[in-house]
PDB file of N, CA and C in Angstrom:
ATOM      1  N   UNK A   1      56.038-150.219  55.447  1.00  0.00           N
ATOM      2  CA  UNK A   1      54.829-150.860  55.916  1.00  0.00           C
ATOM      3  C   UNK A   1      53.645-149.937  55.656  1.00  0.00           C
ATOM      4  N   UNK A   2      52.567-150.521  55.239  1.00  0.00           N
ATOM      5  CA  UNK A   2      51.398-149.729  54.875  1.00  0.00           C
ATOM      6  C   UNK A   2      50.126-150.462  55.295  1.00  0.00           C
ATOM      7  N   UNK A   3      49.174-149.707  55.797  1.00  0.00           N
ATOM      8  CA  UNK A   3      47.842-150.280  56.028  1.00  0.00           C
ATOM      9  C   UNK A   3      47.126-150.321  54.691  1.00  0.00           C
ATOM     10  N   UNK A   4      46.507-151.444  54.410  1.00  0.00           N
ATOM     11  CA  UNK A   4      45.832-151.597  53.125  1.00  0.00           C
ATOM     12  C   UNK A   4      44.358-151.920  53.376  1.00  0.00           C
ATOM     13  N   UNK A   5      43.465-151.088  52.863  1.00  0.00           N
ATOM     14  CA  UNK A   5      42.031-151.373  53.010  1.00  0.00           C
ATOM     15  C   UNK A   5      41.647-152.632  52.227  1.00  0.00           C
ATOM     16  N   UNK A   6      40.573-153.266  52.643  1.00  0.00           N
ATOM     17  CA  UNK A   6      40.099-154.478  51.972  1.00  0.00           C
ATOM     18  C   UNK A   6      39.922-154.229  50.477  1.00  0.00           C
ATOM     19  N   UNK A   7      39.347-153.104  50.119  1.00  0.00           N
ATOM     20  CA  UNK A   7      39.102-152.793  48.701  1.00  0.00           C
ATOM     21  C   UNK A   7      40.406-152.787  47.899  1.00  0.00           C
ATOM     22  N   UNK A   8      41.458-152.222  48.465  1.00  0.00           N
ATOM     23  CA  UNK A   8      42.744-152.185  47.772  1.00  0.00           C
ATOM     24  C   UNK A   8      43.352-153.589  47.690  1.00  0.00           C
ATOM     25  N   UNK A   9      43.187-154.371  48.759  1.00  0.00           N
ATOM     26  CA  UNK A   9      43.688-155.747  48.717  1.00  0.00           C
ATOM     27  C   UNK A   9      42.958-156.549  47.633  1.00  0.00           C
ATOM     28  N   UNK A  10      41.674-156.321  47.482  1.00  0.00           N
ATOM     29  CA  UNK A  10      40.924-157.007  46.425  1.00  0.00           C
ATOM     30  C   UNK A  10      41.465-156.643  45.046  1.00  0.00           C
ATOM     31  N   UNK A  11      41.964-155.428  44.892  1.00  0.00           N
ATOM     32  CA  UNK A  11      42.609-155.032  43.635  1.00  0.00           C
ATOM     33  C   UNK A  11      43.861-155.866  43.393  1.00  0.00           C
ATOM     34  N   UNK A  12      44.616-156.149  44.472  1.00  0.00           N
ATOM     35  CA  UNK A  12      45.778-157.041  44.362  1.00  0.00           C
ATOM     36  C   UNK A  12      45.341-158.362  43.748  1.00  0.00           C
ATOM     37  N   UNK A  13      44.254-158.903  44.293  1.00  0.00           N
ATOM     38  CA  UNK A  13      43.766-160.200  43.833  1.00  0.00           C
ATOM     39  C   UNK A  13      43.315-160.140  42.379  1.00  0.00           C
ATOM     40  N   UNK A  14      42.557-159.112  42.037  1.00  0.00           N
ATOM     41  CA  UNK A  14      42.037-158.976  40.673  1.00  0.00           C
ATOM     42  C   UNK A  14      43.142-158.778  39.650  1.00  0.00           C
ATOM     43  N   UNK A  15      44.211-158.103  40.057  1.00  0.00           N
ATOM     44  CA  UNK A  15      45.331-157.846  39.147  1.00  0.00           C
ATOM     45  C   UNK A  15      46.306-159.014  39.092  1.00  0.00           C
ATOM     46  N   UNK A  16      46.118-159.995  39.967  1.00  0.00           N
ATOM     47  CA  UNK A  16      47.014-161.142  39.998  1.00  0.00           C
ATOM     48  C   UNK A  16      48.394-160.819  40.549  1.00  0.00           C
ATOM     49  N   UNK A  17      48.480-159.794  41.384  1.00  0.00           N
ATOM     50  CA  UNK A  17      49.759-159.397  41.969  1.00  0.00           C
ATOM     51  C   UNK A  17      50.297-160.531  42.842  1.00  0.00           C
ATOM     52  N   UNK A  18      51.516-160.945  42.573  1.00  0.00           N
ATOM     53  CA  UNK A  18      52.122-162.033  43.340  1.00  0.00           C
ATOM     54  C   UNK A  18      52.389-161.549  44.762  1.00  0.00           C
ATOM     55  N   UNK A  19      51.796-162.246  45.710  1.00  0.00           N
ATOM     56  CA  UNK A  19      51.934-161.866  47.114  1.00  0.00           C
ATOM     57  C   UNK A  19      51.671-163.084  47.988  1.00  0.00           C
ATOM     58  N   UNK A  20      51.915-162.921  49.266  1.00  0.00           N
ATOM     59  CA  UNK A  20      51.545-163.943  50.234  1.00  0.00           C
ATOM     60  C   UNK A  20      50.676-163.270  51.287  1.00  0.00           C
ATOM     61  N   UNK A  21      49.616-163.962  51.682  1.00  0.00           N
ATOM     62  CA  UNK A  21      48.687-163.472  52.699  1.00  0.00           C
ATOM     63  C   UNK A  21      48.897-164.309  53.953  1.00  0.00           C
ATOM     64  N   UNK A  22      49.233-163.655  55.062  1.00  0.00           N
ATOM     65  CA  UNK A  22      49.562-164.356  56.301  1.00  0.00           C
ATOM     66  C   UNK A  22      48.604-163.946  57.414  1.00  0.00           C
ATOM     67  N   UNK A  23      47.947-164.950  57.982  1.00  0.00           N
ATOM     68  CA  UNK A  23      47.023-164.771  59.105  1.00  0.00           C
ATOM     69  C   UNK A  23      47.821-164.969  60.391  1.00  0.00           C
ATOM     70  N   UNK A  24      47.930-163.931  61.219  1.00  0.00           N
ATOM     71  CA  UNK A  24      48.733-164.014  62.442  1.00  0.00           C
ATOM     72  C   UNK A  24      47.886-164.251  63.690  1.00  0.00           C
ATOM     73  N   UNK A  25      46.620-164.598  63.514  1.00  0.00           N
ATOM     74  CA  UNK A  25      45.755-164.865  64.670  1.00  0.00           C
ATOM     75  C   UNK A  25      46.137-166.190  65.337  1.00  0.00           C
ATOM     76  N   UNK A  26      45.608-166.404  66.513  1.00  0.00           N
ATOM     77  CA  UNK A  26      45.890-167.630  67.267  1.00  0.00           C
ATOM     78  C   UNK A  26      45.178-168.831  66.644  1.00  0.00           C
ATOM     79  N   UNK A  27      45.585-170.016  67.079  1.00  0.00           N
ATOM     80  CA  UNK A  27      44.948-171.250  66.605  1.00  0.00           C
ATOM     81  C   UNK A  27      43.455-171.254  66.903  1.00  0.00           C
ATOM     82  N   UNK A  28      43.086-170.777  68.070  1.00  0.00           N
ATOM     83  CA  UNK A  28      41.669-170.730  68.457  1.00  0.00           C
ATOM     84  C   UNK A  28      40.898-169.774  67.550  1.00  0.00           C
ATOM     85  N   UNK A  29      41.487-168.629  67.250  1.00  0.00           N
ATOM     86  CA  UNK A  29      40.800-167.631  66.423  1.00  0.00           C
ATOM     87  C   UNK A  29      40.527-168.122  65.010  1.00  0.00           C
ATOM     88  N   UNK A  30      41.420-168.904  64.442  1.00  0.00           N
ATOM     89  CA  UNK A  30      41.211-169.323  63.053  1.00  0.00           C
ATOM     90  C   UNK A  30      40.107-170.360  62.914  1.00  0.00           C
ATOM     91  N   UNK A  31      39.659-170.912  64.035  1.00  0.00           N
ATOM     92  CA  UNK A  31      38.545-171.860  63.980  1.00  0.00           C
ATOM     93  C   UNK A  31      37.284-171.209  63.414  1.00  0.00           C
ATOM     94  N   UNK A  32      37.197-169.884  63.515  1.00  0.00           N
ATOM     95  CA  UNK A  32      36.031-169.176  62.977  1.00  0.00           C
ATOM     96  C   UNK A  32      36.163-168.914  61.479  1.00  0.00           C
ATOM     97  N   UNK A  33      37.296-169.281  60.898  1.00  0.00           N
ATOM     98  CA  UNK A  33      37.496-169.124  59.467  1.00  0.00           C
ATOM     99  C   UNK A  33      38.708-168.288  59.130  1.00  0.00           C
ATOM    100  N   UNK A  34      39.191-168.486  57.910  1.00  0.00           N
ATOM    101  CA  UNK A  34      40.339-167.744  57.392  1.00  0.00           C
ATOM    102  C   UNK A  34      40.006-167.224  55.999  1.00  0.00           C
ATOM    103  N   UNK A  35      40.733-166.228  55.570  1.00  0.00           N
ATOM    104  CA  UNK A  35      40.599-165.731  54.203  1.00  0.00           C
ATOM    105  C   UNK A  35      41.226-166.761  53.270  1.00  0.00           C
ATOM    106  N   UNK A  36      40.574-167.016  52.149  1.00  0.00           N
ATOM    107  CA  UNK A  36      41.041-167.984  51.164  1.00  0.00           C
ATOM    108  C   UNK A  36      42.502-167.722  50.790  1.00  0.00           C
ATOM    109  N   UNK A  37      43.275-168.785  50.711  1.00  0.00           N
ATOM    110  CA  UNK A  37      44.689-168.764  50.322  1.00  0.00           C
ATOM    111  C   UNK A  37      45.624-168.152  51.358  1.00  0.00           C
ATOM    112  N   UNK A  38      45.135-167.903  52.557  1.00  0.00           N
ATOM    113  CA  UNK A  38      46.010-167.374  53.609  1.00  0.00           C
ATOM    114  C   UNK A  38      46.837-168.502  54.219  1.00  0.00           C
ATOM    115  N   UNK A  39      48.016-168.127  54.687  1.00  0.00           N
ATOM    116  CA  UNK A  39      48.895-169.029  55.421  1.00  0.00           C
ATOM    117  C   UNK A  39      48.772-168.649  56.888  1.00  0.00           C
ATOM    118  N   UNK A  40      48.576-169.635  57.749  1.00  0.00           N
ATOM    119  CA  UNK A  40      48.434-169.343  59.179  1.00  0.00           C
ATOM    120  C   UNK A  40      49.796-169.418  59.869  1.00  0.00           C
ATOM    121  N   UNK A  41      50.277-168.272  60.349  1.00  0.00           N
ATOM    122  CA  UNK A  41      51.508-168.182  61.133  1.00  0.00           C
ATOM    123  C   UNK A  41      51.196-167.325  62.349  1.00  0.00           C
ATOM    124  N   UNK A  42      50.839-167.945  63.475  1.00  0.00           N
ATOM    125  CA  UNK A  42      50.465-167.170  64.661  1.00  0.00           C
ATOM    126  C   UNK A  42      51.568-166.192  65.065  1.00  0.00           C
ATOM    127  N   UNK A  43      51.167-165.038  65.530  1.00  0.00           N
ATOM    128  CA  UNK A  43      52.126-163.989  65.876  1.00  0.00           C
ATOM    129  C   UNK A  43      53.175-164.483  66.869  1.00  0.00           C
ATOM    130  N   UNK A  44      52.773-165.303  67.835  1.00  0.00           N
ATOM    131  CA  UNK A  44      53.745-165.764  68.836  1.00  0.00           C
ATOM    132  C   UNK A  44      54.822-166.668  68.244  1.00  0.00           C
ATOM    133  N   UNK A  45      54.606-167.225  67.055  1.00  0.00           N
ATOM    134  CA  UNK A  45      55.582-168.075  66.360  1.00  0.00           C
ATOM    135  C   UNK A  45      56.179-167.400  65.130  1.00  0.00           C
ATOM    136  N   UNK A  46      55.775-166.191  64.861  1.00  0.00           N
ATOM    137  CA  UNK A  46      56.093-165.562  63.582  1.00  0.00           C
ATOM    138  C   UNK A  46      57.588-165.450  63.323  1.00  0.00           C
ATOM    139  N   UNK A  47      58.343-165.005  64.293  1.00  0.00           N
ATOM    140  CA  UNK A  47      59.778-164.833  64.111  1.00  0.00           C
ATOM    141  C   UNK A  47      60.419-166.132  63.617  1.00  0.00           C
ATOM    142  N   UNK A  48      60.145-167.211  64.305  1.00  0.00           N
ATOM    143  CA  UNK A  48      60.705-168.520  63.948  1.00  0.00           C
ATOM    144  C   UNK A  48      60.224-168.970  62.570  1.00  0.00           C
ATOM    145  N   UNK A  49      58.930-168.849  62.319  1.00  0.00           N
ATOM    146  CA  UNK A  49      58.352-169.324  61.055  1.00  0.00           C
ATOM    147  C   UNK A  49      58.865-168.532  59.849  1.00  0.00           C
ATOM    148  N   UNK A  50      59.020-167.222  60.002  1.00  0.00           N
ATOM    149  CA  UNK A  50      59.519-166.417  58.890  1.00  0.00           C
ATOM    150  C   UNK A  50      60.961-166.767  58.559  1.00  0.00           C
ATOM    151  N   UNK A  51      61.748-167.065  59.577  1.00  0.00           N
ATOM    152  CA  UNK A  51      63.135-167.477  59.343  1.00  0.00           C
ATOM    153  C   UNK A  51      63.203-168.773  58.543  1.00  0.00           C
ATOM    154  N   UNK A  52      62.194-169.621  58.687  1.00  0.00           N
ATOM    155  CA  UNK A  52      62.149-170.906  57.980  1.00  0.00           C
ATOM    156  C   UNK A  52      61.615-170.778  56.553  1.00  0.00           C
ATOM    157  N   UNK A  53      60.933-169.688  56.250  1.00  0.00           N
ATOM    158  CA  UNK A  53      60.290-169.525  54.939  1.00  0.00           C
ATOM    159  C   UNK A  53      61.259-169.018  53.883  1.00  0.00           C
ATOM    160  N   UNK A  54      61.032-169.457  52.647  1.00  0.00           N
ATOM    161  CA  UNK A  54      61.779-168.930  51.512  1.00  0.00           C
ATOM    162  C   UNK A  54      60.890-167.904  50.819  1.00  0.00           C
ATOM    163  N   UNK A  55      61.172-166.641  51.072  1.00  0.00           N
ATOM    164  CA  UNK A  55      60.348-165.569  50.511  1.00  0.00           C
ATOM    165  C   UNK A  55      61.121-164.737  49.500  1.00  0.00           C
ATOM    166  N   UNK A  56      62.158-165.320  48.956  1.00  0.00           N
ATOM    167  CA  UNK A  56      63.019-164.578  48.038  1.00  0.00           C
ATOM    168  C   UNK A  56      62.255-164.005  46.846  1.00  0.00           C
ATOM    169  N   UNK A  57      61.338-164.780  46.292  1.00  0.00           N
ATOM    170  CA  UNK A  57      60.621-164.350  45.093  1.00  0.00           C
ATOM    171  C   UNK A  57      59.357-163.554  45.394  1.00  0.00           C
ATOM    172  N   UNK A  58      58.999-163.444  46.652  1.00  0.00           N
ATOM    173  CA  UNK A  58      57.780-162.728  47.016  1.00  0.00           C
ATOM    174  C   UNK A  58      58.125-161.303  47.415  1.00  0.00           C
ATOM    175  N   UNK A  59      57.540-160.350  46.728  1.00  0.00           N
ATOM    176  CA  UNK A  59      57.822-158.938  46.984  1.00  0.00           C
ATOM    177  C   UNK A  59      56.778-158.298  47.890  1.00  0.00           C
ATOM    178  N   UNK A  60      55.547-158.793  47.834  1.00  0.00           N
ATOM    179  CA  UNK A  60      54.442-158.189  48.581  1.00  0.00           C
ATOM    180  C   UNK A  60      53.929-159.180  49.624  1.00  0.00           C
ATOM    181  N   UNK A  61      53.947-158.762  50.891  1.00  0.00           N
ATOM    182  CA  UNK A  61      53.499-159.603  51.993  1.00  0.00           C
ATOM    183  C   UNK A  61      52.389-158.874  52.732  1.00  0.00           C
ATOM    184  N   UNK A  62      51.224-159.521  52.808  1.00  0.00           N
ATOM    185  CA  UNK A  62      50.060-158.928  53.470  1.00  0.00           C
ATOM    186  C   UNK A  62      49.761-159.744  54.727  1.00  0.00           C
ATOM    187  N   UNK A  63      49.723-159.060  55.865  1.00  0.00           N
ATOM    188  CA  UNK A  63      49.397-159.694  57.138  1.00  0.00           C
ATOM    189  C   UNK A  63      47.999-159.265  57.565  1.00  0.00           C
ATOM    190  N   UNK A  64      47.304-160.167  58.261  1.00  0.00           N
ATOM    191  CA  UNK A  64      46.038-159.765  58.870  1.00  0.00           C
ATOM    192  C   UNK A  64      45.844-160.493  60.187  1.00  0.00           C
ATOM    193  N   UNK A  65      45.022-159.888  61.024  1.00  0.00           N
ATOM    194  CA  UNK A  65      44.658-160.462  62.320  1.00  0.00           C
ATOM    195  C   UNK A  65      43.163-160.208  62.501  1.00  0.00           C
ATOM    196  N   UNK A  66      42.721-160.058  63.715  1.00  0.00           N
ATOM    197  CA  UNK A  66      41.296-159.822  63.953  1.00  0.00           C
ATOM    198  C   UNK A  66      40.895-158.410  63.540  1.00  0.00           C
ATOM    199  N   UNK A  67      41.649-157.413  64.018  1.00  0.00           N
ATOM    200  CA  UNK A  67      41.241-156.024  63.779  1.00  0.00           C
ATOM    201  C   UNK A  67      42.321-155.136  63.171  1.00  0.00           C
ATOM    202  N   UNK A  68      43.531-155.634  63.038  1.00  0.00           N
ATOM    203  CA  UNK A  68      44.578-154.853  62.392  1.00  0.00           C
ATOM    204  C   UNK A  68      45.744-154.444  63.272  1.00  0.00           C
ATOM    205  N   UNK A  69      45.673-154.695  64.569  1.00  0.00           N
ATOM    206  CA  UNK A  69      46.751-154.278  65.467  1.00  0.00           C
ATOM    207  C   UNK A  69      47.944-155.240  65.411  1.00  0.00           C
ATOM    208  N   UNK A  70      47.696-156.522  65.578  1.00  0.00           N
ATOM    209  CA  UNK A  70      48.793-157.505  65.559  1.00  0.00           C
ATOM    210  C   UNK A  70      49.451-157.596  64.195  1.00  0.00           C
ATOM    211  N   UNK A  71      48.685-157.354  63.148  1.00  0.00           N
ATOM    212  CA  UNK A  71      49.279-157.414  61.812  1.00  0.00           C
ATOM    213  C   UNK A  71      50.295-156.293  61.600  1.00  0.00           C
ATOM    214  N   UNK A  72      50.117-155.167  62.280  1.00  0.00           N
ATOM    215  CA  UNK A  72      51.124-154.099  62.224  1.00  0.00           C
ATOM    216  C   UNK A  72      52.420-154.568  62.872  1.00  0.00           C
ATOM    217  N   UNK A  73      52.305-155.253  63.997  1.00  0.00           N
ATOM    218  CA  UNK A  73      53.491-155.821  64.656  1.00  0.00           C
ATOM    219  C   UNK A  73      54.161-156.848  63.750  1.00  0.00           C
ATOM    220  N   UNK A  74      53.357-157.638  63.064  1.00  0.00           N
ATOM    221  CA  UNK A  74      53.894-158.649  62.152  1.00  0.00           C
ATOM    222  C   UNK A  74      54.700-158.005  61.029  1.00  0.00           C
ATOM    223  N   UNK A  75      54.241-156.876  60.530  1.00  0.00           N
ATOM    224  CA  UNK A  75      54.981-156.150  59.490  1.00  0.00           C
ATOM    225  C   UNK A  75      56.363-155.758  59.997  1.00  0.00           C
ATOM    226  N   UNK A  76      56.424-155.263  61.220  1.00  0.00           N
ATOM    227  CA  UNK A  76      57.704-154.867  61.814  1.00  0.00           C
ATOM    228  C   UNK A  76      58.633-156.066  61.970  1.00  0.00           C
ATOM    229  N   UNK A  77      58.095-157.177  62.429  1.00  0.00           N
ATOM    230  CA  UNK A  77      58.895-158.392  62.604  1.00  0.00           C
ATOM    231  C   UNK A  77      59.444-158.855  61.258  1.00  0.00           C
ATOM    232  N   UNK A  78      58.596-158.890  60.245  1.00  0.00           N
ATOM    233  CA  UNK A  78      59.019-159.342  58.916  1.00  0.00           C
ATOM    234  C   UNK A  78      60.093-158.428  58.331  1.00  0.00           C
ATOM    235  N   UNK A  79      59.944-157.132  58.520  1.00  0.00           N
ATOM    236  CA  UNK A  79      60.936-156.189  57.991  1.00  0.00           C
ATOM    237  C   UNK A  79      62.299-156.405  58.649  1.00  0.00           C
ATOM    238  N   UNK A  80      62.301-156.759  59.915  1.00  0.00           N
ATOM    239  CA  UNK A  80      63.569-157.035  60.608  1.00  0.00           C
ATOM    240  C   UNK A  80      64.216-158.315  60.093  1.00  0.00           C
ATOM    241  N   UNK A  81      63.401-159.274  59.705  1.00  0.00           N
ATOM    242  CA  UNK A  81      63.925-160.562  59.240  1.00  0.00           C
ATOM    243  C   UNK A  81      64.272-160.529  57.755  1.00  0.00           C
ATOM    244  N   UNK A  82      63.362-160.043  56.932  1.00  0.00           N
ATOM    245  CA  UNK A  82      63.529-160.086  55.485  1.00  0.00           C
ATOM    246  C   UNK A  82      64.064-158.786  54.888  1.00  0.00           C
ATOM    247  N   UNK A  83      64.167-157.750  55.686  1.00  0.00           N
ATOM    248  CA  UNK A  83      64.704-156.492  55.188  1.00  0.00           C
ATOM    249  C   UNK A  83      63.641-155.575  54.612  1.00  0.00           C
ATOM    250  N   UNK A  84      64.083-154.408  54.224  1.00  0.00           N
ATOM    251  CA  UNK A  84      63.161-153.364  53.776  1.00  0.00           C
ATOM    252  C   UNK A  84      62.972-153.323  52.260  1.00  0.00           C
ATOM    253  N   UNK A  85      63.524-154.283  51.547  1.00  0.00           N
ATOM    254  CA  UNK A  85      63.359-154.285  50.089  1.00  0.00           C
ATOM    255  C   UNK A  85      61.998-154.835  49.659  1.00  0.00           C
ATOM    256  N   UNK A  86      61.260-155.411  50.594  1.00  0.00           N
ATOM    257  CA  UNK A  86      59.929-155.949  50.295  1.00  0.00           C
ATOM    258  C   UNK A  86      58.855-154.955  50.731  1.00  0.00           C
ATOM    259  N   UNK A  87      57.646-155.162  50.220  1.00  0.00           N
ATOM    260  CA  UNK A  87      56.503-154.330  50.599  1.00  0.00           C
ATOM    261  C   UNK A  87      55.666-155.096  51.618  1.00  0.00           C
ATOM    262  N   UNK A  88      55.487-154.503  52.799  1.00  0.00           N
ATOM    263  CA  UNK A  88      54.714-155.128  53.868  1.00  0.00           C
ATOM    264  C   UNK A  88      53.417-154.365  54.062  1.00  0.00           C
ATOM    265  N   UNK A  89      52.324-155.108  54.175  1.00  0.00           N
ATOM    266  CA  UNK A  89      51.005-154.509  54.322  1.00  0.00           C
ATOM    267  C   UNK A  89      50.275-155.133  55.508  1.00  0.00           C
ATOM    268  N   UNK A  90      49.504-154.317  56.183  1.00  0.00           N
ATOM    269  CA  UNK A  90      48.607-154.768  57.241  1.00  0.00           C
ATOM    270  C   UNK A  90      47.188-154.539  56.740  1.00  0.00           C
ATOM    271  N   UNK A  91      46.395-155.605  56.666  1.00  0.00           N
ATOM    272  CA  UNK A  91      45.013-155.471  56.203  1.00  0.00           C
ATOM    273  C   UNK A  91      44.250-154.622  57.210  1.00  0.00           C
ATOM    274  N   UNK A  92      43.906-153.425  56.804  1.00  0.00           N
ATOM    275  CA  UNK A  92      43.266-152.455  57.692  1.00  0.00           C
ATOM    276  C   UNK A  92      41.919-152.984  58.179  1.00  0.00           C
ATOM    277  N   UNK A  93      41.770-153.067  59.482  1.00  0.00           N
ATOM    278  CA  UNK A  93      40.532-153.583  60.060  1.00  0.00           C
ATOM    279  C   UNK A  93      40.507-155.090  60.208  1.00  0.00           C
ATOM    280  N   UNK A  94      41.535-155.759  59.694  1.00  0.00           N
ATOM    281  CA  UNK A  94      41.677-157.204  59.843  1.00  0.00           C
ATOM    282  C   UNK A  94      40.526-158.008  59.267  1.00  0.00           C
ATOM    283  N   UNK A  95      40.338-159.182  59.845  1.00  0.00           N
ATOM    284  CA  UNK A  95      39.298-160.083  59.342  1.00  0.00           C
ATOM    285  C   UNK A  95      37.906-159.524  59.611  1.00  0.00           C
ATOM    286  N   UNK A  96      37.799-158.646  60.613  1.00  0.00           N
ATOM    287  CA  UNK A  96      36.496-158.004  60.864  1.00  0.00           C
ATOM    288  C   UNK A  96      36.093-157.148  59.663  1.00  0.00           C
ATOM    289  N   UNK A  97      37.034-156.389  59.118  1.00  0.00           N
ATOM    290  CA  UNK A  97      36.749-155.565  57.934  1.00  0.00           C
ATOM    291  C   UNK A  97      36.469-156.453  56.724  1.00  0.00           C
ATOM    292  N   UNK A  98      37.212-157.548  56.612  1.00  0.00           N
ATOM    293  CA  UNK A  98      36.986-158.498  55.514  1.00  0.00           C
ATOM    294  C   UNK A  98      35.565-159.053  55.596  1.00  0.00           C
ATOM    295  N   UNK A  99      35.175-159.451  56.790  1.00  0.00           N
ATOM    296  CA  UNK A  99      33.836-160.008  57.002  1.00  0.00           C
ATOM    297  C   UNK A  99      32.757-158.954  56.726  1.00  0.00           C
ATOM    298  N   UNK A 100      32.989-157.718  57.157  1.00  0.00           N
ATOM    299  CA  UNK A 100      32.026-156.639  56.903  1.00  0.00           C
ATOM    300  C   UNK A 100      31.846-156.379  55.419  1.00  0.00           C
ATOM    301  N   UNK A 101      32.893-156.636  54.641  1.00  0.00           N
ATOM    302  CA  UNK A 101      32.777-156.430  53.198  1.00  0.00           C
ATOM    303  C   UNK A 101      32.077-157.615  52.530  1.00  0.00           C
ATOM    304  N   UNK A 102      31.587-158.552  53.374  1.00  0.00           N
ATOM    305  CA  UNK A 102      30.816-159.719  52.943  1.00  0.00           C
ATOM    306  C   UNK A 102      31.622-160.675  52.079  1.00  0.00           C
ATOM    307  N   UNK A 103      32.913-160.764  52.369  1.00  0.00           N
ATOM    308  CA  UNK A 103      33.759-161.722  51.659  1.00  0.00           C
ATOM    309  C   UNK A 103      33.699-163.060  52.385  1.00  0.00           C
ATOM    310  N   UNK A 104      33.918-164.116  51.654  1.00  0.00           N
ATOM    311  CA  UNK A 104      33.786-165.472  52.177  1.00  0.00           C
ATOM    312  C   UNK A 104      35.010-165.861  53.003  1.00  0.00           C
ATOM    313  N   UNK A 105      34.757-166.625  54.067  1.00  0.00           N
ATOM    314  CA  UNK A 105      35.829-167.200  54.874  1.00  0.00           C
ATOM    315  C   UNK A 105      35.851-168.696  54.646  1.00  0.00           C
ATOM    316  N   UNK A 106      37.010-169.285  54.757  1.00  0.00           N
ATOM    317  CA  UNK A 106      37.131-170.747  54.648  1.00  0.00           C
ATOM    318  C   UNK A 106      36.979-171.366  56.012  1.00  0.00           C
TER     319      UNK A 106
END
């Protein structure tokens, strides 16, 4: 598991690195917007939702929340479910850091 700054995550996007971006914020929190192409899986449902997902072909999983704390927990949960052969990232600073970098929200 690794904290990934917004700038490094943008490199993922620019390089076309195959990954999944997961927003673990609550339903109420996402009303203020989400990062483009993110999948919303609230932290309280994450265990169940990850068990239902087919992530066999996805090697890089990036989680984010409001500030970066819950996304670290999400990385731990995912590693327990999907194993340690994948790369798990927590967007450092969460959506607040994304917003500060003046990136667009949906």
